[in-house]
Amino acid sequence: MKGLTQHELAAETGISLAILGTIERGNRKVSQQELDRIAGVLAISIEELRGN
């Protein structure tokens, strides 16, 4: 897994910093497309991203 800041993750995924923050805090459901983007950038599976 890459060690990225939220700013770097936002830039690499194309997901805004504000949206990443709301996802991280659990205030917004993450879409499948967003999961795919985040997992791809972090080079982990979606299951790992979800903590499974």
PDB file of N, CA and C in Angstrom:
ATOM      1  N   MET A   1       0.853  -1.176   0.000  1.00  0.00           N
ATOM      2  CA  MET A   1       0.000   0.000   0.000  1.00  0.00           C
ATOM      3  C   MET A   1       0.897   1.236   0.000  1.00  0.00           C
ATOM      4  N   LYS A   2       0.522   2.194  -0.804  1.00  0.00           N
ATOM      5  CA  LYS A   2       1.249   3.459  -0.852  1.00  0.00           C
ATOM      6  C   LYS A   2       0.907   4.300   0.366  1.00  0.00           C
ATOM      7  N   GLY A   3       1.884   5.034   0.847  1.00  0.00           N
ATOM      8  CA  GLY A   3       1.634   5.982   1.929  1.00  0.00           C
ATOM      9  C   GLY A   3       1.413   7.358   1.323  1.00  0.00           C
ATOM     10  N   LEU A   4       0.171   7.730   1.133  1.00  0.00           N
ATOM     11  CA  LEU A   4      -0.163   8.997   0.493  1.00  0.00           C
ATOM     12  C   LEU A   4      -0.892   9.916   1.458  1.00  0.00           C
ATOM     13  N   THR A   5      -0.729  11.198   1.245  1.00  0.00           N
ATOM     14  CA  THR A   5      -1.552  12.157   1.971  1.00  0.00           C
ATOM     15  C   THR A   5      -2.926  12.182   1.307  1.00  0.00           C
ATOM     16  N   GLN A   6      -3.907  12.771   1.979  1.00  0.00           N
ATOM     17  CA  GLN A   6      -5.232  12.904   1.363  1.00  0.00           C
ATOM     18  C   GLN A   6      -5.149  13.741   0.093  1.00  0.00           C
ATOM     19  N   HIS A   7      -4.303  14.763   0.103  1.00  0.00           N
ATOM     20  CA  HIS A   7      -4.156  15.609  -1.085  1.00  0.00           C
ATOM     21  C   HIS A   7      -3.630  14.795  -2.270  1.00  0.00           C
ATOM     22  N   GLU A   8      -2.634  13.954  -2.014  1.00  0.00           N
ATOM     23  CA  GLU A   8      -2.070  13.114  -3.074  1.00  0.00           C
ATOM     24  C   GLU A   8      -3.092  12.093  -3.559  1.00  0.00           C
ATOM     25  N   LEU A   9      -3.818  11.476  -2.626  1.00  0.00           N
ATOM     26  CA  LEU A   9      -4.837  10.498  -3.003  1.00  0.00           C
ATOM     27  C   LEU A   9      -5.929  11.156  -3.833  1.00  0.00           C
ATOM     28  N   ALA A  10      -6.337  12.343  -3.434  1.00  0.00           N
ATOM     29  CA  ALA A  10      -7.353  13.075  -4.196  1.00  0.00           C
ATOM     30  C   ALA A  10      -6.866  13.346  -5.612  1.00  0.00           C
ATOM     31  N   ALA A  11      -5.632  13.792  -5.740  1.00  0.00           N
ATOM     32  CA  ALA A  11      -5.085  14.103  -7.059  1.00  0.00           C
ATOM     33  C   ALA A  11      -4.979  12.857  -7.930  1.00  0.00           C
ATOM     34  N   GLU A  12      -4.539  11.751  -7.356  1.00  0.00           N
ATOM     35  CA  GLU A  12      -4.338  10.527  -8.136  1.00  0.00           C
ATOM     36  C   GLU A  12      -5.641   9.811  -8.480  1.00  0.00           C
ATOM     37  N   THR A  13      -6.665   9.965  -7.649  1.00  0.00           N
ATOM     38  CA  THR A  13      -7.940   9.288  -7.918  1.00  0.00           C
ATOM     39  C   THR A  13      -8.924  10.158  -8.683  1.00  0.00           C
ATOM     40  N   GLY A  14      -8.709  11.469  -8.644  1.00  0.00           N
ATOM     41  CA  GLY A  14      -9.684  12.376  -9.243  1.00  0.00           C
ATOM     42  C   GLY A  14     -10.907  12.579  -8.364  1.00  0.00           C
ATOM     43  N   ILE A  15     -10.817  12.146  -7.111  1.00  0.00           N
ATOM     44  CA  ILE A  15     -11.895  12.330  -6.136  1.00  0.00           C
ATOM     45  C   ILE A  15     -11.520  13.543  -5.289  1.00  0.00           C
ATOM     46  N   SER A  16     -12.447  14.456  -5.110  1.00  0.00           N
ATOM     47  CA  SER A  16     -12.110  15.682  -4.390  1.00  0.00           C
ATOM     48  C   SER A  16     -11.716  15.393  -2.946  1.00  0.00           C
ATOM     49  N   LEU A  17     -10.907  16.282  -2.415  1.00  0.00           N
ATOM     50  CA  LEU A  17     -10.465  16.177  -1.033  1.00  0.00           C
ATOM     51  C   LEU A  17     -11.653  16.195  -0.076  1.00  0.00           C
ATOM     52  N   ALA A  18     -12.642  17.023  -0.368  1.00  0.00           N
ATOM     53  CA  ALA A  18     -13.837  17.104   0.479  1.00  0.00           C
ATOM     54  C   ALA A  18     -14.585  15.776   0.496  1.00  0.00           C
ATOM     55  N   ILE A  19     -14.742  15.161  -0.655  1.00  0.00           N
ATOM     56  CA  ILE A  19     -15.443  13.874  -0.723  1.00  0.00           C
ATOM     57  C   ILE A  19     -14.647  12.797  -0.003  1.00  0.00           C
ATOM     58  N   LEU A  20     -13.335  12.756  -0.201  1.00  0.00           N
ATOM     59  CA  LEU A  20     -12.514  11.773   0.511  1.00  0.00           C
ATOM     60  C   LEU A  20     -12.673  11.927   2.020  1.00  0.00           C
ATOM     61  N   GLY A  21     -12.714  13.158   2.489  1.00  0.00           N
ATOM     62  CA  GLY A  21     -12.886  13.403   3.920  1.00  0.00           C
ATOM     63  C   GLY A  21     -14.214  12.894   4.445  1.00  0.00           C
ATOM     64  N   THR A  22     -15.288  13.124   3.691  1.00  0.00           N
ATOM     65  CA  THR A  22     -16.601  12.655   4.153  1.00  0.00           C
ATOM     66  C   THR A  22     -16.686  11.136   4.116  1.00  0.00           C
ATOM     67  N   ILE A  23     -16.027  10.521   3.138  1.00  0.00           N
ATOM     68  CA  ILE A  23     -15.985   9.052   3.083  1.00  0.00           C
ATOM     69  C   ILE A  23     -15.214   8.524   4.286  1.00  0.00           C
ATOM     70  N   GLU A  24     -14.053   9.111   4.548  1.00  0.00           N
ATOM     71  CA  GLU A  24     -13.204   8.659   5.651  1.00  0.00           C
ATOM     72  C   GLU A  24     -13.917   8.779   7.000  1.00  0.00           C
ATOM     73  N   ARG A  25     -14.692   9.826   7.180  1.00  0.00           N
ATOM     74  CA  ARG A  25     -15.424  10.021   8.441  1.00  0.00           C
ATOM     75  C   ARG A  25     -16.694   9.172   8.519  1.00  0.00           C
ATOM     76  N   GLY A  26     -17.058   8.505   7.439  1.00  0.00           N
ATOM     77  CA  GLY A  26     -18.255   7.677   7.435  1.00  0.00           C
ATOM     78  C   GLY A  26     -19.531   8.458   7.234  1.00  0.00           C
ATOM     79  N   ASN A  27     -19.407   9.681   6.730  1.00  0.00           N
ATOM     80  CA  ASN A  27     -20.580  10.528   6.512  1.00  0.00           C
ATOM     81  C   ASN A  27     -21.152  10.412   5.110  1.00  0.00           C
ATOM     82  N   ARG A  28     -20.564   9.568   4.299  1.00  0.00           N
ATOM     83  CA  ARG A  28     -21.014   9.408   2.914  1.00  0.00           C
ATOM     84  C   ARG A  28     -20.687   7.997   2.468  1.00  0.00           C
ATOM     85  N   LYS A  29     -21.620   7.381   1.761  1.00  0.00           N
ATOM     86  CA  LYS A  29     -21.353   6.069   1.192  1.00  0.00           C
ATOM     87  C   LYS A  29     -20.420   6.227   0.001  1.00  0.00           C
ATOM     88  N   VAL A  30     -19.525   5.282  -0.123  1.00  0.00           N
ATOM     89  CA  VAL A  30     -18.570   5.304  -1.226  1.00  0.00           C
ATOM     90  C   VAL A  30     -19.143   4.501  -2.393  1.00  0.00           C
ATOM     91  N   SER A  31     -19.011   5.021  -3.596  1.00  0.00           N
ATOM     92  CA  SER A  31     -19.527   4.324  -4.778  1.00  0.00           C
ATOM     93  C   SER A  31     -18.540   3.241  -5.210  1.00  0.00           C
ATOM     94  N   GLN A  32     -19.012   2.324  -6.018  1.00  0.00           N
ATOM     95  CA  GLN A  32     -18.138   1.273  -6.540  1.00  0.00           C
ATOM     96  C   GLN A  32     -17.004   1.879  -7.359  1.00  0.00           C
ATOM     97  N   GLN A  33     -17.306   2.889  -8.138  1.00  0.00           N
ATOM     98  CA  GLN A  33     -16.282   3.551  -8.952  1.00  0.00           C
ATOM     99  C   GLN A  33     -15.208   4.183  -8.056  1.00  0.00           C
ATOM    100  N   GLU A  34     -15.630   4.811  -6.978  1.00  0.00           N
ATOM    101  CA  GLU A  34     -14.671   5.415  -6.048  1.00  0.00           C
ATOM    102  C   GLU A  34     -13.826   4.342  -5.369  1.00  0.00           C
ATOM    103  N   LEU A  35     -14.462   3.238  -4.970  1.00  0.00           N
ATOM    104  CA  LEU A  35     -13.711   2.124  -4.383  1.00  0.00           C
ATOM    105  C   LEU A  35     -12.660   1.616  -5.351  1.00  0.00           C
ATOM    106  N   ASP A  36     -13.056   1.440  -6.603  1.00  0.00           N
ATOM    107  CA  ASP A  36     -12.126   0.956  -7.624  1.00  0.00           C
ATOM    108  C   ASP A  36     -10.943   1.905  -7.785  1.00  0.00           C
ATOM    109  N   ARG A  37     -11.225   3.192  -7.845  1.00  0.00           N
ATOM    110  CA  ARG A  37     -10.158   4.193  -8.011  1.00  0.00           C
ATOM    111  C   ARG A  37      -9.199   4.193  -6.827  1.00  0.00           C
ATOM    112  N   ILE A  38      -9.759   4.213  -5.619  1.00  0.00           N
ATOM    113  CA  ILE A  38      -8.925   4.270  -4.418  1.00  0.00           C
ATOM    114  C   ILE A  38      -8.079   3.006  -4.295  1.00  0.00           C
ATOM    115  N   ALA A  39      -8.693   1.846  -4.456  1.00  0.00           N
ATOM    116  CA  ALA A  39      -7.957   0.587  -4.360  1.00  0.00           C
ATOM    117  C   ALA A  39      -6.869   0.517  -5.427  1.00  0.00           C
ATOM    118  N   GLY A  40      -7.171   0.977  -6.632  1.00  0.00           N
ATOM    119  CA  GLY A  40      -6.184   0.957  -7.707  1.00  0.00           C
ATOM    120  C   GLY A  40      -4.980   1.824  -7.396  1.00  0.00           C
ATOM    121  N   VAL A  41      -5.217   3.010  -6.910  1.00  0.00           N
ATOM    122  CA  VAL A  41      -4.119   3.926  -6.578  1.00  0.00           C
ATOM    123  C   VAL A  41      -3.292   3.375  -5.418  1.00  0.00           C
ATOM    124  N   LEU A  42      -3.958   2.785  -4.430  1.00  0.00           N
ATOM    125  CA  LEU A  42      -3.246   2.246  -3.269  1.00  0.00           C
ATOM    126  C   LEU A  42      -2.644   0.870  -3.535  1.00  0.00           C
ATOM    127  N   ALA A  43      -2.961   0.285  -4.685  1.00  0.00           N
ATOM    128  CA  ALA A  43      -2.461  -1.035  -5.085  1.00  0.00           C
ATOM    129  C   ALA A  43      -2.857  -2.114  -4.076  1.00  0.00           C
ATOM    130  N   ILE A  44      -4.132  -2.063  -3.658  1.00  0.00           N
ATOM    131  CA  ILE A  44      -4.686  -3.082  -2.774  1.00  0.00           C
ATOM    132  C   ILE A  44      -6.046  -3.510  -3.323  1.00  0.00           C
ATOM    133  N   SER A  45      -6.540  -4.638  -2.820  1.00  0.00           N
ATOM    134  CA  SER A  45      -7.857  -5.096  -3.249  1.00  0.00           C
ATOM    135  C   SER A  45      -8.944  -4.300  -2.529  1.00  0.00           C
ATOM    136  N   ILE A  46     -10.132  -4.332  -3.096  1.00  0.00           N
ATOM    137  CA  ILE A  46     -11.262  -3.664  -2.451  1.00  0.00           C
ATOM    138  C   ILE A  46     -11.551  -4.316  -1.100  1.00  0.00           C
ATOM    139  N   GLU A  47     -11.369  -5.628  -1.007  1.00  0.00           N
ATOM    140  CA  GLU A  47     -11.572  -6.322   0.266  1.00  0.00           C
ATOM    141  C   GLU A  47     -10.612  -5.794   1.326  1.00  0.00           C
ATOM    142  N   GLU A  48      -9.349  -5.586   0.938  1.00  0.00           N
ATOM    143  CA  GLU A  48      -8.374  -5.026   1.883  1.00  0.00           C
ATOM    144  C   GLU A  48      -8.762  -3.605   2.281  1.00  0.00           C
ATOM    145  N   LEU A  49      -9.232  -2.841   1.312  1.00  0.00           N
ATOM    146  CA  LEU A  49      -9.641  -1.466   1.578  1.00  0.00           C
ATOM    147  C   LEU A  49     -10.789  -1.428   2.578  1.00  0.00           C
ATOM    148  N   ARG A  50     -11.693  -2.373   2.459  1.00  0.00           N
ATOM    149  CA  ARG A  50     -12.837  -2.455   3.374  1.00  0.00           C
ATOM    150  C   ARG A  50     -12.472  -3.073   4.721  1.00  0.00           C
ATOM    151  N   GLY A  51     -11.272  -3.620   4.829  1.00  0.00           N
ATOM    152  CA  GLY A  51     -10.828  -4.216   6.086  1.00  0.00           C
ATOM    153  C   GLY A  51     -11.182  -5.675   6.234  1.00  0.00           C
ATOM    154  N   ASN A  52     -11.543  -6.325   5.138  1.00  0.00           N
ATOM    155  CA  ASN A  52     -11.904  -7.753   5.182  1.00  0.00           C
ATOM    156  C   ASN A  52     -10.676  -8.620   5.037  1.00  0.00           C
TER     157      ASN A  52
END
